[in-house]
Amino acid sequence: MTSRANPTHCQHYFINQRPFPTYQSMNAQKADAIKGVFMAINMQIFINDMLKWIENNLGAELDIKTIAKKSGYSRFHIQRLFKLHAGLTLAQYIRMRRVTEAAIALRFTDRKIMDIALDYGFDSQQVFTRIFKKQLKTTPGELRRSKQLNNNRLCHSLYMPTMAQKKPTPPPNTHKHG
């Protein structure tokens, strides 16, 4: 497992950072299966914490280097973990979420298109329009005039607020004492 640069930055617990109970009454295969489930739950909590951080920073400069530093993992490892759990790359997810949030702002505010583009990390209105049209199959101006959002093309957040509040606990130790 990759070593962690800053173990205090997020609220997940990895199996190798705390002792795991022994299961003398279980066979090794069953104990390994339980340990694997516990590790998977912890990884989901880690990914969810990372998603929350990304959602809160969509308007900031987000790149793989920044996210890797925040996570404590290497750039390669964090991208691999995210793709495994989310089904798309970090860059794809961030770009799609920014376009979605910008589309919502276009639909429900009167703010200038350029201001919205800048707020969501796009360098110019031209870049914003090109990426926006690629994802939503319409331009920002057309969307604003139509006053409709095509929900099928929006990328909703993968962050699950209730999940972050739940901390997994290891299964009870089935070893009988004395």
Foldseek 3Di string as FASTA:
>chain_A
DFDFDDVPLADFDAPVVDPAFDAPVDDPVVVVVLNVVLRVLSLVLLVLRLLVVLVVQQQPDDDLVVSCNSSRHDSVVVQVSCCVPPVDGPVVLSLLQLLQVLLVCLLPHPDDSQVSCNSRPHPGLVRSQVSNCVQQVDGSVVSNVVSDGDVVRHDDRPRDVVSNVDHDDRDDHPDDDD
